[in-house]
Amino acid sequence: MLDHTTRAGHGGPRLVLTPNIPDPDGFYEELIERQRHLTEEEAQDMNCRLILILANHIGVRTVLSEALTAATA
């Protein structure tokens, strides 16, 4: 979910880095369960598809760039 506050000097939504998922343990458990019977390659393919689906859902290029920066920090 996006935090629709603005950054100083920048308009638009910001990347949310604080806990924001209801039942995060349940989500993690579901993710792991979906991959339980997949090969390593199939699980990586699923993760890539999930990333692209969620990136499309977010749909805000600046937020996606912030996420890439946060993930590589």
C-alpha atoms as a PDB file:
ATOM      1  CA  MET A   1       0.000   0.000   0.000  1.00  0.00           C
ATOM      2  CA  LEU A   2       1.292   3.456  -0.845  1.00  0.00           C
ATOM      3  CA  ASP A   3       1.832   6.275   1.602  1.00  0.00           C
ATOM      4  CA  HIS A   4       0.464   9.252  -0.310  1.00  0.00           C
ATOM      5  CA  THR A   5       2.447  11.879   1.584  1.00  0.00           C
ATOM      6  CA  THR A   6       4.871  14.015  -0.373  1.00  0.00           C
ATOM      7  CA  ARG A   7       8.597  14.393  -0.024  1.00  0.00           C
ATOM      8  CA  ALA A   8      10.156  17.837   0.262  1.00  0.00           C
ATOM      9  CA  GLY A   9      10.700  19.106  -3.261  1.00  0.00           C
ATOM     10  CA  HIS A  10       8.943  16.111  -4.826  1.00  0.00           C
ATOM     11  CA  GLY A  11       5.277  15.577  -5.455  1.00  0.00           C
ATOM     12  CA  GLY A  12       3.570  12.248  -5.407  1.00  0.00           C
ATOM     13  CA  PRO A  13       3.528   9.134  -3.272  1.00  0.00           C
ATOM     14  CA  ARG A  14       6.479   7.781  -1.307  1.00  0.00           C
ATOM     15  CA  LEU A  15       7.718   4.282  -0.725  1.00  0.00           C
ATOM     16  CA  VAL A  16       6.425   2.853   2.559  1.00  0.00           C
ATOM     17  CA  LEU A  17       9.234   1.193   4.520  1.00  0.00           C
ATOM     18  CA  THR A  18       7.415   0.774   7.825  1.00  0.00           C
ATOM     19  CA  PRO A  19       5.435  -2.445   8.499  1.00  0.00           C
ATOM     20  CA  ASN A  20       2.256  -2.178   6.424  1.00  0.00           C
ATOM     21  CA  ILE A  21       1.035  -5.738   5.778  1.00  0.00           C
ATOM     22  CA  PRO A  22      -1.781  -7.072   7.947  1.00  0.00           C
ATOM     23  CA  ASP A  23      -0.631 -10.492   9.222  1.00  0.00           C
ATOM     24  CA  PRO A  24       2.902 -10.391   7.751  1.00  0.00           C
ATOM     25  CA  ASP A  25       3.697 -13.830   9.198  1.00  0.00           C
ATOM     26  CA  GLY A  26       0.633 -15.266   7.463  1.00  0.00           C
ATOM     27  CA  PHE A  27       1.707 -13.704   4.156  1.00  0.00           C
ATOM     28  CA  TYR A  28       5.229 -15.104   4.533  1.00  0.00           C
ATOM     29  CA  GLU A  29       3.822 -18.535   5.369  1.00  0.00           C
ATOM     30  CA  GLU A  30       1.583 -18.425   2.280  1.00  0.00           C
ATOM     31  CA  LEU A  31       4.529 -17.385   0.084  1.00  0.00           C
ATOM     32  CA  ILE A  32       6.692 -20.227   1.377  1.00  0.00           C
ATOM     33  CA  GLU A  33       3.830 -22.724   1.034  1.00  0.00           C
ATOM     34  CA  ARG A  34       3.293 -21.714  -2.613  1.00  0.00           C
ATOM     35  CA  GLN A  35       6.960 -22.486  -3.299  1.00  0.00           C
ATOM     36  CA  ARG A  36       7.252 -25.628  -1.189  1.00  0.00           C
ATOM     37  CA  HIS A  37       7.018 -28.090  -4.091  1.00  0.00           C
ATOM     38  CA  LEU A  38       8.755 -25.935  -6.692  1.00  0.00           C
ATOM     39  CA  THR A  39      12.315 -26.369  -7.865  1.00  0.00           C
ATOM     40  CA  GLU A  40      14.744 -23.535  -7.058  1.00  0.00           C
ATOM     41  CA  GLU A  41      14.417 -22.277 -10.644  1.00  0.00           C
ATOM     42  CA  GLU A  42      10.600 -22.404 -10.525  1.00  0.00           C
ATOM     43  CA  ALA A  43      10.595 -20.533  -7.199  1.00  0.00           C
ATOM     44  CA  GLN A  44      12.884 -17.837  -8.635  1.00  0.00           C
ATOM     45  CA  ASP A  45      10.613 -17.541 -11.687  1.00  0.00           C
ATOM     46  CA  MET A  46       7.598 -17.185  -9.378  1.00  0.00           C
ATOM     47  CA  ASN A  47       9.385 -14.473  -7.384  1.00  0.00           C
ATOM     48  CA  CYS A  48      10.194 -12.575 -10.591  1.00  0.00           C
ATOM     49  CA  ARG A  49       6.579 -12.778 -11.760  1.00  0.00           C
ATOM     50  CA  LEU A  50       5.360 -11.650  -8.324  1.00  0.00           C
ATOM     51  CA  ILE A  51       7.726  -8.650  -8.384  1.00  0.00           C
ATOM     52  CA  LEU A  52       6.489  -7.602 -11.830  1.00  0.00           C
ATOM     53  CA  ILE A  53       2.827  -8.052 -10.853  1.00  0.00           C
ATOM     54  CA  LEU A  54       3.294  -5.947  -7.709  1.00  0.00           C
ATOM     55  CA  ALA A  55       5.343  -3.314  -9.591  1.00  0.00           C
ATOM     56  CA  ASN A  56       2.525  -3.023 -12.103  1.00  0.00           C
ATOM     57  CA  HIS A  57       0.019  -2.688  -9.257  1.00  0.00           C
ATOM     58  CA  ILE A  58       2.071   0.114  -7.662  1.00  0.00           C
ATOM     59  CA  GLY A  59       2.393   1.811 -11.033  1.00  0.00           C
ATOM     60  CA  VAL A  60       4.339   4.850  -9.793  1.00  0.00           C
ATOM     61  CA  ARG A  61       7.784   4.959 -11.384  1.00  0.00           C
ATOM     62  CA  THR A  62       9.357   7.101  -8.647  1.00  0.00           C
ATOM     63  CA  VAL A  63       8.157   4.684  -5.959  1.00  0.00           C
ATOM     64  CA  LEU A  64       9.550   1.750  -7.927  1.00  0.00           C
ATOM     65  CA  SER A  65      12.925   3.509  -8.205  1.00  0.00           C
ATOM     66  CA  GLU A  66      12.906   4.121  -4.447  1.00  0.00           C
ATOM     67  CA  ALA A  67      12.168   0.413  -3.913  1.00  0.00           C
ATOM     68  CA  LEU A  68      15.073  -0.608  -6.155  1.00  0.00           C
ATOM     69  CA  THR A  69      17.385   1.690  -4.213  1.00  0.00           C
ATOM     70  CA  ALA A  70      16.156   0.333  -0.863  1.00  0.00           C
ATOM     71  CA  ALA A  71      16.548  -3.265  -2.035  1.00  0.00           C
ATOM     72  CA  THR A  72      20.156  -2.735  -3.139  1.00  0.00           C
ATOM     73  CA  ALA A  73      21.262  -0.709  -0.090  1.00  0.00           C
END
